[in-house]
Amino acid sequence: MTRPSDLPDHIRRHLDDLVASCPHLTALATRVREFADILTERHGHNLPAWIQQVRTDDLPTLHSYTNGLEKDIDAVIAGLTLPYSNGPMEGVNTKTKLIKRTMYGRAGFPLLRQMILLS
């Protein structure tokens, strides 16, 4: 999703006209932009207030999403706030699975181990 300020002028004007034509779209666009700010600025502590605003605005398109967020709100807030990431470990897992798939199930664990160590 591109920030509205980064859009070309003609597209931004068209988007503004579309959003202004419907109050429901105006509220939805506002909440989506607020959530994008929470994500990009890492302001996880603002998430409960954002969820409450979505409920207050009665935006059914976002209700199932907010229900999912609330199921594990502490983990979501931590993920949006803390600088830690499991990205490097996910990369190792992906690489291991790729090597395993390229071997087409041949040989066994010793060969897989050797291929991982050599890569």
N, C-alpha and C. Protein backbone atom coordinates (compact mmCIF):
# COMPACT_ATOMS: atom_id res chain seq x y z
N MET A 1 0.85 -1.17 0.00
CA MET A 1 0.00 0.00 0.00
C MET A 1 0.89 1.23 0.00
N THR A 2 0.65 2.12 -0.92
CA THR A 2 1.43 3.34 -1.04
C THR A 2 0.80 4.43 -0.20
N ARG A 3 1.64 5.22 0.42
CA ARG A 3 1.12 6.36 1.17
C ARG A 3 0.47 7.33 0.20
N PRO A 4 -0.66 7.92 0.60
CA PRO A 4 -1.34 8.86 -0.31
C PRO A 4 -0.44 10.01 -0.75
N SER A 5 0.47 10.44 0.11
CA SER A 5 1.35 11.54 -0.26
C SER A 5 2.35 11.13 -1.34
N ASP A 6 2.60 9.83 -1.51
CA ASP A 6 3.54 9.36 -2.52
C ASP A 6 2.89 9.04 -3.86
N LEU A 7 1.57 9.13 -3.93
CA LEU A 7 0.86 8.83 -5.18
C LEU A 7 0.99 9.99 -6.17
N PRO A 8 0.93 9.70 -7.47
CA PRO A 8 0.89 10.78 -8.46
C PRO A 8 -0.37 11.63 -8.25
N ASP A 9 -0.31 12.88 -8.64
CA ASP A 9 -1.41 13.82 -8.38
C ASP A 9 -2.75 13.35 -8.94
N HIS A 10 -2.78 12.86 -10.18
CA HIS A 10 -4.06 12.48 -10.78
C HIS A 10 -4.67 11.27 -10.05
N ILE A 11 -3.86 10.36 -9.60
CA ILE A 11 -4.38 9.20 -8.86
C ILE A 11 -4.85 9.62 -7.47
N ARG A 12 -4.10 10.50 -6.83
CA ARG A 12 -4.49 10.97 -5.50
C ARG A 12 -5.82 11.73 -5.55
N ARG A 13 -6.00 12.57 -6.58
CA ARG A 13 -7.26 13.30 -6.71
C ARG A 13 -8.42 12.33 -6.94
N HIS A 14 -8.19 11.33 -7.79
CA HIS A 14 -9.23 10.34 -8.06
C HIS A 14 -9.58 9.56 -6.79
N LEU A 15 -8.58 9.17 -6.04
CA LEU A 15 -8.81 8.45 -4.78
C LEU A 15 -9.56 9.33 -3.79
N ASP A 16 -9.18 10.58 -3.67
CA ASP A 16 -9.87 11.50 -2.77
C ASP A 16 -11.34 11.67 -3.16
N ASP A 17 -11.61 11.76 -4.47
CA ASP A 17 -12.99 11.88 -4.94
C ASP A 17 -13.81 10.64 -4.59
N LEU A 18 -13.21 9.47 -4.79
CA LEU A 18 -13.91 8.22 -4.47
C LEU A 18 -14.21 8.11 -2.98
N VAL A 19 -13.23 8.42 -2.16
CA VAL A 19 -13.40 8.31 -0.71
C VAL A 19 -14.42 9.33 -0.22
N ALA A 20 -14.38 10.53 -0.77
CA ALA A 20 -15.30 11.58 -0.32
C ALA A 20 -16.74 11.31 -0.73
N SER A 21 -16.94 10.47 -1.74
CA SER A 21 -18.30 10.22 -2.23
C SER A 21 -19.12 9.32 -1.30
N CYS A 22 -18.47 8.65 -0.37
CA CYS A 22 -19.18 7.71 0.50
C CYS A 22 -18.64 7.82 1.93
N PRO A 23 -19.49 8.15 2.90
CA PRO A 23 -19.01 8.27 4.29
C PRO A 23 -18.42 6.97 4.83
N HIS A 24 -19.00 5.84 4.40
CA HIS A 24 -18.47 4.55 4.85
C HIS A 24 -17.03 4.35 4.36
N LEU A 25 -16.78 4.70 3.10
CA LEU A 25 -15.43 4.60 2.55
C LEU A 25 -14.47 5.57 3.23
N THR A 26 -14.97 6.75 3.60
CA THR A 26 -14.13 7.72 4.30
C THR A 26 -13.65 7.14 5.62
N ALA A 27 -14.58 6.57 6.40
CA ALA A 27 -14.22 5.98 7.68
C ALA A 27 -13.27 4.79 7.49
N LEU A 28 -13.56 3.96 6.49
CA LEU A 28 -12.72 2.80 6.23
C LEU A 28 -11.30 3.21 5.83
N ALA A 29 -11.19 4.17 4.93
CA ALA A 29 -9.87 4.64 4.50
C ALA A 29 -9.10 5.25 5.66
N THR A 30 -9.80 5.98 6.52
CA THR A 30 -9.14 6.58 7.69
C THR A 30 -8.59 5.50 8.60
N ARG A 31 -9.38 4.48 8.89
CA ARG A 31 -8.93 3.41 9.79
C ARG A 31 -7.78 2.60 9.17
N VAL A 32 -7.85 2.35 7.87
CA VAL A 32 -6.77 1.60 7.21
C VAL A 32 -5.47 2.40 7.25
N ARG A 33 -5.55 3.70 7.01
CA ARG A 33 -4.34 4.53 7.08
C ARG A 33 -3.79 4.59 8.49
N GLU A 34 -4.67 4.66 9.49
CA GLU A 34 -4.22 4.66 10.88
C GLU A 34 -3.51 3.34 11.21
N PHE A 35 -4.07 2.23 10.73
CA PHE A 35 -3.43 0.94 10.98
C PHE A 35 -2.08 0.86 10.28
N ALA A 36 -1.98 1.39 9.08
CA ALA A 36 -0.70 1.41 8.37
C ALA A 36 0.33 2.21 9.16
N ASP A 37 -0.09 3.31 9.77
CA ASP A 37 0.82 4.09 10.61
C ASP A 37 1.25 3.30 11.84
N ILE A 38 0.32 2.56 12.45
CA ILE A 38 0.67 1.74 13.61
C ILE A 38 1.72 0.71 13.20
N LEU A 39 1.57 0.12 12.03
CA LEU A 39 2.53 -0.88 11.55
C LEU A 39 3.89 -0.27 11.24
N THR A 40 3.90 0.79 10.47
CA THR A 40 5.17 1.34 10.00
C THR A 40 5.92 2.10 11.08
N GLU A 41 5.20 2.72 11.98
CA GLU A 41 5.85 3.50 13.05
C GLU A 41 6.08 2.67 14.31
N ARG A 42 5.63 1.40 14.30
CA ARG A 42 5.79 0.48 15.43
C ARG A 42 5.17 1.04 16.71
N HIS A 43 3.91 1.46 16.60
CA HIS A 43 3.15 1.98 17.75
C HIS A 43 2.10 0.96 18.16
N GLY A 44 2.54 -0.20 18.60
CA GLY A 44 1.62 -1.27 18.99
C GLY A 44 0.72 -0.90 20.15
N HIS A 45 1.17 0.02 21.01
CA HIS A 45 0.35 0.43 22.15
C HIS A 45 -0.92 1.16 21.72
N ASN A 46 -0.98 1.63 20.48
CA ASN A 46 -2.18 2.30 19.97
C ASN A 46 -3.21 1.33 19.40
N LEU A 47 -2.87 0.05 19.33
CA LEU A 47 -3.75 -0.93 18.70
C LEU A 47 -5.09 -1.09 19.41
N PRO A 48 -5.15 -1.22 20.75
CA PRO A 48 -6.48 -1.36 21.38
C PRO A 48 -7.41 -0.18 21.10
N ALA A 49 -6.87 1.03 21.08
CA ALA A 49 -7.70 2.20 20.77
C ALA A 49 -8.17 2.14 19.31
N TRP A 50 -7.31 1.67 18.41
CA TRP A 50 -7.70 1.55 17.01
C TRP A 50 -8.82 0.53 16.85
N ILE A 51 -8.71 -0.60 17.54
CA ILE A 51 -9.75 -1.63 17.47
C ILE A 51 -11.07 -1.07 17.98
N GLN A 52 -11.01 -0.30 19.06
CA GLN A 52 -12.23 0.30 19.60
C GLN A 52 -12.85 1.29 18.61
N GLN A 53 -12.02 2.05 17.91
CA GLN A 53 -12.53 2.99 16.91
C GLN A 53 -13.20 2.25 15.75
N VAL A 54 -12.63 1.11 15.35
CA VAL A 54 -13.24 0.30 14.29
C VAL A 54 -14.62 -0.17 14.73
N ARG A 55 -14.72 -0.61 15.98
CA ARG A 55 -16.01 -1.07 16.50
C ARG A 55 -17.00 0.10 16.60
N THR A 56 -16.53 1.26 17.02
CA THR A 56 -17.39 2.44 17.13
C THR A 56 -17.91 2.88 15.76
N ASP A 57 -17.03 2.83 14.75
CA ASP A 57 -17.43 3.22 13.40
C ASP A 57 -18.33 2.18 12.74
N ASP A 58 -18.46 1.01 13.35
CA ASP A 58 -19.26 -0.10 12.82
C ASP A 58 -18.85 -0.42 11.38
N LEU A 59 -17.60 -0.84 11.25
CA LEU A 59 -17.06 -1.23 9.95
C LEU A 59 -17.00 -2.76 9.87
N PRO A 60 -18.06 -3.39 9.36
CA PRO A 60 -18.11 -4.86 9.36
C PRO A 60 -16.99 -5.50 8.54
N THR A 61 -16.46 -4.78 7.57
CA THR A 61 -15.38 -5.36 6.77
C THR A 61 -14.11 -5.56 7.59
N LEU A 62 -13.97 -4.82 8.68
CA LEU A 62 -12.79 -4.96 9.53
C LEU A 62 -13.07 -5.75 10.81
N HIS A 63 -14.32 -6.10 11.07
CA HIS A 63 -14.66 -6.77 12.33
C HIS A 63 -13.98 -8.13 12.46
N SER A 64 -14.00 -8.94 11.41
CA SER A 64 -13.37 -10.26 11.52
C SER A 64 -11.86 -10.12 11.70
N TYR A 65 -11.28 -9.09 11.08
CA TYR A 65 -9.84 -8.85 11.24
C TYR A 65 -9.52 -8.46 12.68
N THR A 66 -10.32 -7.56 13.25
CA THR A 66 -10.07 -7.14 14.64
C THR A 66 -10.35 -8.29 15.61
N ASN A 67 -11.32 -9.14 15.30
CA ASN A 67 -11.56 -10.31 16.15
C ASN A 67 -10.33 -11.21 16.18
N GLY A 68 -9.70 -11.40 15.04
CA GLY A 68 -8.48 -12.19 14.98
C GLY A 68 -7.34 -11.56 15.75
N LEU A 69 -7.22 -10.24 15.66
CA LEU A 69 -6.17 -9.55 16.42
C LEU A 69 -6.39 -9.69 17.91
N GLU A 70 -7.64 -9.63 18.34
CA GLU A 70 -7.93 -9.67 19.77
C GLU A 70 -7.73 -11.06 20.37
N LYS A 71 -7.70 -12.10 19.56
CA LYS A 71 -7.51 -13.44 20.09
C LYS A 71 -6.17 -13.58 20.80
N ASP A 72 -5.16 -12.87 20.32
CA ASP A 72 -3.85 -12.90 20.96
C ASP A 72 -3.27 -11.49 20.96
N ILE A 73 -3.99 -10.59 21.59
CA ILE A 73 -3.65 -9.17 21.55
C ILE A 73 -2.27 -8.88 22.12
N ASP A 74 -1.86 -9.60 23.17
CA ASP A 74 -0.55 -9.34 23.76
C ASP A 74 0.58 -9.64 22.78
N ALA A 75 0.47 -10.75 22.06
CA ALA A 75 1.50 -11.09 21.07
C ALA A 75 1.50 -10.11 19.91
N VAL A 76 0.32 -9.67 19.49
CA VAL A 76 0.23 -8.72 18.38
C VAL A 76 0.87 -7.39 18.78
N ILE A 77 0.56 -6.91 19.99
CA ILE A 77 1.14 -5.65 20.45
C ILE A 77 2.66 -5.78 20.56
N ALA A 78 3.13 -6.90 21.08
CA ALA A 78 4.58 -7.11 21.19
C ALA A 78 5.22 -7.13 19.80
N GLY A 79 4.58 -7.78 18.84
CA GLY A 79 5.11 -7.82 17.48
C GLY A 79 5.14 -6.47 16.81
N LEU A 80 4.19 -5.61 17.17
CA LEU A 80 4.14 -4.27 16.57
C LEU A 80 5.00 -3.27 17.32
N THR A 81 5.52 -3.64 18.48
CA THR A 81 6.26 -2.70 19.30
C THR A 81 7.74 -3.04 19.40
N LEU A 82 8.05 -4.29 19.66
CA LEU A 82 9.43 -4.70 19.91
C LEU A 82 10.24 -4.77 18.61
N PRO A 83 11.54 -4.49 18.70
CA PRO A 83 12.37 -4.50 17.49
C PRO A 83 12.85 -5.89 17.08
N TYR A 84 12.51 -6.92 17.85
CA TYR A 84 12.99 -8.27 17.56
C TYR A 84 12.24 -8.87 16.38
N SER A 85 12.94 -9.75 15.65
CA SER A 85 12.33 -10.38 14.48
C SER A 85 12.84 -11.81 14.36
N ASN A 86 11.99 -12.69 13.89
CA ASN A 86 12.43 -14.06 13.63
C ASN A 86 12.71 -14.26 12.14
N GLY A 87 12.91 -13.17 11.43
CA GLY A 87 13.18 -13.22 10.00
C GLY A 87 14.39 -14.07 9.64
N PRO A 88 15.54 -13.92 10.33
CA PRO A 88 16.69 -14.76 9.99
C PRO A 88 16.42 -16.25 10.14
N MET A 89 15.70 -16.64 11.19
CA MET A 89 15.39 -18.06 11.38
C MET A 89 14.44 -18.55 10.29
N GLU A 90 13.49 -17.72 9.90
CA GLU A 90 12.58 -18.11 8.81
C GLU A 90 13.36 -18.32 7.52
N GLY A 91 14.39 -17.50 7.30
CA GLY A 91 15.21 -17.66 6.11
C GLY A 91 15.96 -18.99 6.10
N VAL A 92 16.48 -19.38 7.27
CA VAL A 92 17.17 -20.67 7.38
C VAL A 92 16.20 -21.82 7.11
N ASN A 93 14.99 -21.73 7.67
CA ASN A 93 13.99 -22.78 7.45
C ASN A 93 13.63 -22.89 5.97
N THR A 94 13.45 -21.76 5.32
CA THR A 94 13.10 -21.76 3.90
C THR A 94 14.21 -22.38 3.06
N LYS A 95 15.45 -22.02 3.38
CA LYS A 95 16.59 -22.56 2.64
C LYS A 95 16.69 -24.08 2.83
N THR A 96 16.48 -24.55 4.07
CA THR A 96 16.53 -25.99 4.35
C THR A 96 15.45 -26.73 3.57
N LYS A 97 14.24 -26.19 3.54
CA LYS A 97 13.15 -26.83 2.80
C LYS A 97 13.44 -26.85 1.31
N LEU A 98 14.04 -25.78 0.80
CA LEU A 98 14.38 -25.73 -0.62
C LEU A 98 15.39 -26.82 -0.98
N ILE A 99 16.41 -26.98 -0.15
CA ILE A 99 17.41 -28.02 -0.40
C ILE A 99 16.76 -29.39 -0.35
N LYS A 100 15.90 -29.60 0.63
CA LYS A 100 15.23 -30.90 0.77
C LYS A 100 14.37 -31.21 -0.45
N ARG A 101 13.66 -30.20 -0.96
CA ARG A 101 12.80 -30.41 -2.13
C ARG A 101 13.61 -30.70 -3.39
N THR A 102 14.77 -30.05 -3.52
CA THR A 102 15.57 -30.26 -4.73
C THR A 102 16.19 -31.65 -4.76
N MET A 103 16.25 -32.32 -3.61
CA MET A 103 16.81 -33.67 -3.57
C MET A 103 15.76 -34.72 -3.93
N TYR A 104 14.50 -34.33 -4.10
CA TYR A 104 13.41 -35.23 -4.52
C TYR A 104 13.28 -36.46 -3.62
N GLY A 105 13.58 -36.33 -2.32
CA GLY A 105 13.41 -37.43 -1.39
C GLY A 105 14.48 -38.50 -1.49
N ARG A 106 15.52 -38.27 -2.27
CA ARG A 106 16.59 -39.26 -2.42
C ARG A 106 17.45 -39.29 -1.16
N ALA A 107 18.13 -40.41 -0.99
CA ALA A 107 19.08 -40.61 0.10
C ALA A 107 18.40 -40.42 1.44
N GLY A 108 19.12 -39.93 2.41
CA GLY A 108 18.55 -39.80 3.75
C GLY A 108 19.10 -38.58 4.44
N PHE A 109 19.01 -38.62 5.75
CA PHE A 109 19.41 -37.48 6.55
C PHE A 109 20.90 -37.14 6.39
N PRO A 110 21.81 -38.12 6.34
CA PRO A 110 23.23 -37.76 6.21
C PRO A 110 23.52 -36.91 4.97
N LEU A 111 22.91 -37.26 3.84
CA LEU A 111 23.13 -36.48 2.62
C LEU A 111 22.50 -35.09 2.74
N LEU A 112 21.29 -35.03 3.31
CA LEU A 112 20.64 -33.73 3.52
C LEU A 112 21.51 -32.85 4.41
N ARG A 113 22.04 -33.42 5.48
CA ARG A 113 22.90 -32.66 6.39
C ARG A 113 24.13 -32.14 5.65
N GLN A 114 24.74 -32.99 4.83
CA GLN A 114 25.92 -32.59 4.08
C GLN A 114 25.58 -31.46 3.10
N MET A 115 24.44 -31.56 2.43
CA MET A 115 24.04 -30.52 1.48
C MET A 115 23.81 -29.18 2.19
N ILE A 116 23.20 -29.23 3.38
CA ILE A 116 22.96 -28.00 4.13
C ILE A 116 24.28 -27.39 4.58
N LEU A 117 25.20 -28.22 5.05
CA LEU A 117 26.49 -27.70 5.51
C LEU A 117 27.32 -27.13 4.37
N LEU A 118 27.18 -27.68 3.17
CA LEU A 118 27.95 -27.20 2.03
C LEU A 118 27.35 -25.96 1.38
N SER A 119 26.09 -25.70 1.66
CA SER A 119 25.46 -24.54 1.00
C SER A 119 25.76 -23.25 1.72
